[in-house]
Amino acid sequence: MVDIDTVNGEATVETIRREGGDAIFVRADVSKSSDVDALFTPTSRIKGVLDILYNNAAVRLHGRDSRAHELREEIWDRTHSTNLRGVWLCSKYAIPILLKRGSGSIIHVPRPQD
């Protein structure tokens, strides 16, 4: 479980464990290459393998300034860097691990509407 929000990430892991699953939490900002590169290290060390990358990180900041001509650049940049760059970065760092292993899956899921 990866999230920029430690409280939310740890709560999600606890829910998974309470339901009988197994999970770890790694804090990372998926829009930053260094964070994404580093997030696969604890996963590989603790679990030993990577089977699935489930990309669903997204932010919806556009509701603050929803009309295109009023949208502030920082809102566009943050949305773009998380929702598009984040998916690409996670895939970029996961693919070599999956190729070395010879199997695995990458699943891209848009964040559900609130």
N, C-alpha and C. Protein backbone atom coordinates (compact mmCIF):
# COMPACT_ATOMS: atom_id res chain seq x y z
N MET A 1 0.85 -1.17 0.00
CA MET A 1 0.00 0.00 0.00
C MET A 1 0.89 1.22 0.00
N VAL A 2 0.72 2.05 -1.00
CA VAL A 2 1.51 3.26 -1.13
C VAL A 2 0.57 4.46 -1.08
N ASP A 3 0.95 5.45 -0.30
CA ASP A 3 0.15 6.66 -0.22
C ASP A 3 1.06 7.79 0.24
N ILE A 4 0.72 8.98 -0.13
CA ILE A 4 1.45 10.15 0.35
C ILE A 4 0.99 10.50 1.77
N ASP A 5 -0.21 10.05 2.12
CA ASP A 5 -0.83 10.31 3.42
C ASP A 5 -0.59 9.11 4.35
N THR A 6 0.31 9.27 5.31
CA THR A 6 0.68 8.18 6.20
C THR A 6 -0.51 7.66 7.01
N VAL A 7 -1.33 8.53 7.54
CA VAL A 7 -2.47 8.10 8.35
C VAL A 7 -3.42 7.24 7.52
N ASN A 8 -3.77 7.70 6.34
CA ASN A 8 -4.67 6.96 5.46
C ASN A 8 -4.04 5.63 5.03
N GLY A 9 -2.76 5.66 4.68
CA GLY A 9 -2.07 4.45 4.25
C GLY A 9 -2.03 3.39 5.33
N GLU A 10 -1.67 3.79 6.54
CA GLU A 10 -1.61 2.82 7.64
C GLU A 10 -3.00 2.30 8.01
N ALA A 11 -4.01 3.16 7.91
CA ALA A 11 -5.39 2.71 8.18
C ALA A 11 -5.84 1.67 7.15
N THR A 12 -5.47 1.88 5.90
CA THR A 12 -5.83 0.93 4.85
C THR A 12 -5.15 -0.41 5.09
N VAL A 13 -3.89 -0.40 5.46
CA VAL A 13 -3.17 -1.64 5.76
C VAL A 13 -3.83 -2.37 6.92
N GLU A 14 -4.22 -1.64 7.95
CA GLU A 14 -4.89 -2.27 9.09
C GLU A 14 -6.22 -2.91 8.67
N THR A 15 -6.95 -2.26 7.80
CA THR A 15 -8.21 -2.83 7.30
C THR A 15 -7.94 -4.12 6.53
N ILE A 16 -6.94 -4.10 5.68
CA ILE A 16 -6.57 -5.30 4.90
C ILE A 16 -6.20 -6.45 5.84
N ARG A 17 -5.41 -6.15 6.84
CA ARG A 17 -5.00 -7.19 7.80
C ARG A 17 -6.18 -7.70 8.62
N ARG A 18 -7.04 -6.80 9.04
CA ARG A 18 -8.22 -7.19 9.82
C ARG A 18 -9.12 -8.13 9.02
N GLU A 19 -9.14 -7.97 7.72
CA GLU A 19 -9.96 -8.82 6.84
C GLU A 19 -9.22 -10.10 6.42
N GLY A 20 -8.04 -10.32 6.99
CA GLY A 20 -7.31 -11.55 6.73
C GLY A 20 -6.25 -11.46 5.65
N GLY A 21 -6.05 -10.27 5.09
CA GLY A 21 -5.04 -10.09 4.06
C GLY A 21 -3.69 -9.74 4.65
N ASP A 22 -2.73 -9.56 3.79
CA ASP A 22 -1.37 -9.22 4.20
C ASP A 22 -0.95 -7.98 3.42
N ALA A 23 -0.44 -6.98 4.10
CA ALA A 23 -0.05 -5.75 3.43
C ALA A 23 1.01 -5.02 4.24
N ILE A 24 1.77 -4.19 3.55
CA ILE A 24 2.70 -3.27 4.18
C ILE A 24 2.40 -1.88 3.63
N PHE A 25 2.83 -0.86 4.37
CA PHE A 25 2.65 0.51 3.93
C PHE A 25 4.00 1.13 3.64
N VAL A 26 4.08 1.83 2.50
CA VAL A 26 5.26 2.61 2.15
C VAL A 26 4.78 4.00 1.78
N ARG A 27 5.30 5.02 2.46
CA ARG A 27 4.92 6.38 2.13
C ARG A 27 5.71 6.82 0.90
N ALA A 28 5.01 7.30 -0.11
CA ALA A 28 5.67 7.80 -1.31
C ALA A 28 4.75 8.75 -2.06
N ASP A 29 5.36 9.69 -2.74
CA ASP A 29 4.66 10.58 -3.66
C ASP A 29 4.91 10.03 -5.05
N VAL A 30 3.90 9.46 -5.69
CA VAL A 30 4.09 8.78 -6.98
C VAL A 30 4.45 9.74 -8.10
N SER A 31 4.39 11.03 -7.86
CA SER A 31 4.80 11.98 -8.89
C SER A 31 6.31 12.24 -8.86
N LYS A 32 7.00 11.68 -7.86
CA LYS A 32 8.44 11.90 -7.71
C LYS A 32 9.21 10.61 -8.01
N SER A 33 10.09 10.68 -8.98
CA SER A 33 10.86 9.52 -9.42
C SER A 33 11.62 8.87 -8.26
N SER A 34 12.25 9.66 -7.42
CA SER A 34 13.04 9.10 -6.31
C SER A 34 12.16 8.33 -5.33
N ASP A 35 10.96 8.83 -5.06
CA ASP A 35 10.03 8.13 -4.17
C ASP A 35 9.58 6.81 -4.78
N VAL A 36 9.25 6.82 -6.07
CA VAL A 36 8.76 5.60 -6.73
C VAL A 36 9.87 4.57 -6.80
N ASP A 37 11.07 5.00 -7.16
CA ASP A 37 12.20 4.07 -7.22
C ASP A 37 12.41 3.42 -5.85
N ALA A 38 12.35 4.21 -4.79
CA ALA A 38 12.59 3.71 -3.44
C ALA A 38 11.46 2.83 -2.91
N LEU A 39 10.25 2.99 -3.40
CA LEU A 39 9.15 2.22 -2.83
C LEU A 39 9.22 0.74 -3.14
N PHE A 40 9.87 0.35 -4.22
CA PHE A 40 9.96 -1.07 -4.55
C PHE A 40 10.97 -1.82 -3.69
N THR A 41 11.90 -1.11 -3.06
CA THR A 41 12.91 -1.76 -2.21
C THR A 41 12.30 -2.46 -1.01
N PRO A 42 11.47 -1.80 -0.19
CA PRO A 42 10.89 -2.52 0.95
C PRO A 42 9.98 -3.67 0.52
N THR A 43 9.27 -3.48 -0.57
CA THR A 43 8.39 -4.54 -1.06
C THR A 43 9.20 -5.77 -1.44
N SER A 44 10.25 -5.57 -2.19
CA SER A 44 11.09 -6.69 -2.61
C SER A 44 11.78 -7.35 -1.42
N ARG A 45 12.25 -6.53 -0.46
CA ARG A 45 12.94 -7.07 0.70
C ARG A 45 12.01 -7.87 1.59
N ILE A 46 10.82 -7.35 1.84
CA ILE A 46 9.90 -8.01 2.76
C ILE A 46 9.17 -9.16 2.09
N LYS A 47 8.69 -8.96 0.89
CA LYS A 47 7.87 -9.97 0.21
C LYS A 47 8.69 -10.87 -0.70
N GLY A 48 9.85 -10.40 -1.13
CA GLY A 48 10.70 -11.20 -1.99
C GLY A 48 10.35 -11.17 -3.46
N VAL A 49 9.13 -10.79 -3.80
CA VAL A 49 8.70 -10.76 -5.20
C VAL A 49 7.73 -9.60 -5.42
N LEU A 50 7.53 -9.31 -6.69
CA LEU A 50 6.49 -8.38 -7.08
C LEU A 50 5.62 -9.13 -8.08
N ASP A 51 4.35 -9.31 -7.75
CA ASP A 51 3.42 -10.02 -8.62
C ASP A 51 2.53 -9.08 -9.41
N ILE A 52 2.05 -8.03 -8.75
CA ILE A 52 1.07 -7.15 -9.36
C ILE A 52 1.37 -5.70 -9.00
N LEU A 53 1.29 -4.84 -9.99
CA LEU A 53 1.27 -3.40 -9.76
C LEU A 53 -0.15 -2.94 -10.04
N TYR A 54 -0.79 -2.38 -9.04
CA TYR A 54 -2.17 -1.90 -9.17
C TYR A 54 -2.12 -0.38 -9.07
N ASN A 55 -2.14 0.29 -10.22
CA ASN A 55 -2.05 1.74 -10.27
C ASN A 55 -3.43 2.36 -10.14
N ASN A 56 -3.67 3.04 -9.04
CA ASN A 56 -4.92 3.77 -8.92
C ASN A 56 -4.76 5.09 -8.14
N ALA A 57 -3.54 5.55 -8.04
CA ALA A 57 -3.31 6.84 -7.37
C ALA A 57 -3.86 7.96 -8.26
N ALA A 58 -4.56 8.86 -7.65
CA ALA A 58 -5.10 10.00 -8.40
C ALA A 58 -5.51 11.09 -7.43
N VAL A 59 -5.47 12.31 -7.94
CA VAL A 59 -6.00 13.44 -7.19
C VAL A 59 -7.05 14.11 -8.06
N ARG A 60 -8.03 14.68 -7.41
CA ARG A 60 -9.06 15.46 -8.11
C ARG A 60 -9.08 16.84 -7.49
N LEU A 61 -8.26 17.70 -8.02
CA LEU A 61 -8.19 19.06 -7.50
C LEU A 61 -8.96 20.02 -8.39
N HIS A 62 -9.36 19.55 -9.57
CA HIS A 62 -9.98 20.44 -10.54
C HIS A 62 -11.31 21.01 -10.06
N GLY A 63 -11.95 20.38 -9.11
CA GLY A 63 -13.21 20.89 -8.59
C GLY A 63 -13.08 22.26 -7.96
N ARG A 64 -11.87 22.60 -7.59
CA ARG A 64 -11.62 23.92 -6.98
C ARG A 64 -11.73 25.03 -8.02
N ASP A 65 -11.29 24.74 -9.25
CA ASP A 65 -11.31 25.70 -10.37
C ASP A 65 -11.68 24.92 -11.62
N SER A 66 -12.91 24.52 -11.78
CA SER A 66 -13.25 23.55 -12.81
C SER A 66 -13.28 24.09 -14.23
N ARG A 67 -13.43 25.38 -14.46
CA ARG A 67 -13.46 25.88 -15.83
C ARG A 67 -12.03 26.08 -16.33
N ALA A 68 -11.76 25.60 -17.54
CA ALA A 68 -10.39 25.56 -18.07
C ALA A 68 -9.70 26.92 -18.03
N HIS A 69 -10.40 27.96 -18.38
CA HIS A 69 -9.76 29.27 -18.42
C HIS A 69 -9.52 29.86 -17.02
N GLU A 70 -10.10 29.23 -16.00
CA GLU A 70 -9.88 29.69 -14.63
C GLU A 70 -8.97 28.77 -13.83
N LEU A 71 -8.62 27.65 -14.40
CA LEU A 71 -7.80 26.66 -13.70
C LEU A 71 -6.40 27.20 -13.43
N ARG A 72 -6.00 27.15 -12.19
CA ARG A 72 -4.65 27.61 -11.84
C ARG A 72 -3.63 26.57 -12.29
N GLU A 73 -2.48 27.03 -12.72
CA GLU A 73 -1.45 26.13 -13.23
C GLU A 73 -0.99 25.12 -12.19
N GLU A 74 -0.90 25.50 -10.93
CA GLU A 74 -0.45 24.56 -9.91
C GLU A 74 -1.44 23.40 -9.72
N ILE A 75 -2.75 23.68 -9.94
CA ILE A 75 -3.75 22.61 -9.87
C ILE A 75 -3.54 21.65 -11.04
N TRP A 76 -3.38 22.20 -12.25
CA TRP A 76 -3.12 21.36 -13.43
C TRP A 76 -1.84 20.55 -13.24
N ASP A 77 -0.76 21.19 -12.79
CA ASP A 77 0.51 20.50 -12.63
C ASP A 77 0.42 19.36 -11.63
N ARG A 78 -0.21 19.58 -10.50
CA ARG A 78 -0.32 18.53 -9.47
C ARG A 78 -1.20 17.37 -9.97
N THR A 79 -2.31 17.69 -10.61
CA THR A 79 -3.19 16.65 -11.15
C THR A 79 -2.46 15.83 -12.20
N HIS A 80 -1.81 16.50 -13.13
CA HIS A 80 -1.09 15.83 -14.20
C HIS A 80 0.06 14.98 -13.66
N SER A 81 0.81 15.52 -12.71
CA SER A 81 1.98 14.79 -12.21
C SER A 81 1.59 13.55 -11.41
N THR A 82 0.47 13.59 -10.72
CA THR A 82 0.02 12.41 -9.97
C THR A 82 -0.73 11.44 -10.88
N ASN A 83 -1.70 11.93 -11.61
CA ASN A 83 -2.60 11.05 -12.35
C ASN A 83 -1.98 10.44 -13.60
N LEU A 84 -1.05 11.11 -14.23
CA LEU A 84 -0.43 10.57 -15.44
C LEU A 84 1.02 10.17 -15.19
N ARG A 85 1.82 11.09 -14.71
CA ARG A 85 3.23 10.79 -14.45
C ARG A 85 3.38 9.68 -13.41
N GLY A 86 2.53 9.69 -12.38
CA GLY A 86 2.59 8.67 -11.33
C GLY A 86 2.38 7.27 -11.87
N VAL A 87 1.39 7.11 -12.76
CA VAL A 87 1.14 5.81 -13.38
C VAL A 87 2.35 5.37 -14.18
N TRP A 88 2.90 6.29 -14.97
CA TRP A 88 4.07 5.97 -15.79
C TRP A 88 5.28 5.62 -14.92
N LEU A 89 5.55 6.41 -13.88
CA LEU A 89 6.71 6.13 -13.03
C LEU A 89 6.59 4.77 -12.33
N CYS A 90 5.42 4.48 -11.79
CA CYS A 90 5.25 3.18 -11.12
C CYS A 90 5.46 2.03 -12.10
N SER A 91 4.93 2.18 -13.30
CA SER A 91 5.13 1.15 -14.32
C SER A 91 6.61 1.06 -14.72
N LYS A 92 7.25 2.19 -14.88
CA LYS A 92 8.66 2.24 -15.28
C LYS A 92 9.54 1.44 -14.31
N TYR A 93 9.30 1.59 -13.02
CA TYR A 93 10.13 0.89 -12.03
C TYR A 93 9.67 -0.53 -11.75
N ALA A 94 8.42 -0.84 -12.02
CA ALA A 94 7.92 -2.20 -11.82
C ALA A 94 8.27 -3.12 -12.97
N ILE A 95 8.25 -2.62 -14.19
CA ILE A 95 8.45 -3.47 -15.37
C ILE A 95 9.76 -4.25 -15.32
N PRO A 96 10.90 -3.65 -15.00
CA PRO A 96 12.14 -4.45 -14.96
C PRO A 96 12.06 -5.61 -13.95
N ILE A 97 11.40 -5.38 -12.82
CA ILE A 97 11.26 -6.44 -11.81
C ILE A 97 10.39 -7.56 -12.36
N LEU A 98 9.30 -7.20 -13.00
CA LEU A 98 8.40 -8.21 -13.57
C LEU A 98 9.06 -8.96 -14.72
N LEU A 99 9.83 -8.26 -15.55
CA LEU A 99 10.52 -8.92 -16.66
C LEU A 99 11.58 -9.89 -16.15
N LYS A 100 12.31 -9.48 -15.12
CA LYS A 100 13.32 -10.36 -14.54
C LYS A 100 12.68 -11.62 -13.98
N ARG A 101 11.54 -11.47 -13.38
CA ARG A 101 10.81 -12.60 -12.79
C ARG A 101 10.18 -13.47 -13.87
N GLY A 102 9.82 -12.84 -15.00
CA GLY A 102 9.21 -13.59 -16.09
C GLY A 102 7.70 -13.65 -16.02
N SER A 103 7.10 -12.93 -15.08
CA SER A 103 5.64 -12.91 -14.99
C SER A 103 5.19 -11.75 -14.11
N GLY A 104 3.89 -11.52 -14.12
CA GLY A 104 3.31 -10.47 -13.31
C GLY A 104 2.29 -9.70 -14.11
N SER A 105 1.61 -8.79 -13.43
CA SER A 105 0.56 -8.00 -14.07
C SER A 105 0.64 -6.55 -13.62
N ILE A 106 0.27 -5.67 -14.54
CA ILE A 106 0.12 -4.26 -14.22
C ILE A 106 -1.33 -3.90 -14.54
N ILE A 107 -2.01 -3.35 -13.55
CA ILE A 107 -3.41 -2.99 -13.70
C ILE A 107 -3.53 -1.48 -13.47
N HIS A 108 -4.09 -0.79 -14.45
CA HIS A 108 -4.33 0.66 -14.32
C HIS A 108 -5.82 0.86 -14.12
N VAL A 109 -6.18 1.48 -13.01
CA VAL A 109 -7.58 1.71 -12.68
C VAL A 109 -7.76 3.19 -12.35
N PRO A 110 -8.64 3.86 -13.06
CA PRO A 110 -8.89 5.25 -12.68
C PRO A 110 -9.56 5.29 -11.31
N ARG A 111 -9.25 6.29 -10.58
CA ARG A 111 -9.83 6.43 -9.24
C ARG A 111 -11.35 6.59 -9.35
N PRO A 112 -12.09 5.86 -8.52
CA PRO A 112 -13.55 5.97 -8.56
C PRO A 112 -14.02 7.38 -8.23
N GLN A 113 -15.14 7.74 -8.75
CA GLN A 113 -15.73 9.04 -8.45
C GLN A 113 -16.22 9.05 -7.01
N ASP A 114 -15.99 10.13 -6.31
CA ASP A 114 -16.46 10.28 -4.93
C ASP A 114 -17.90 10.69 -4.90
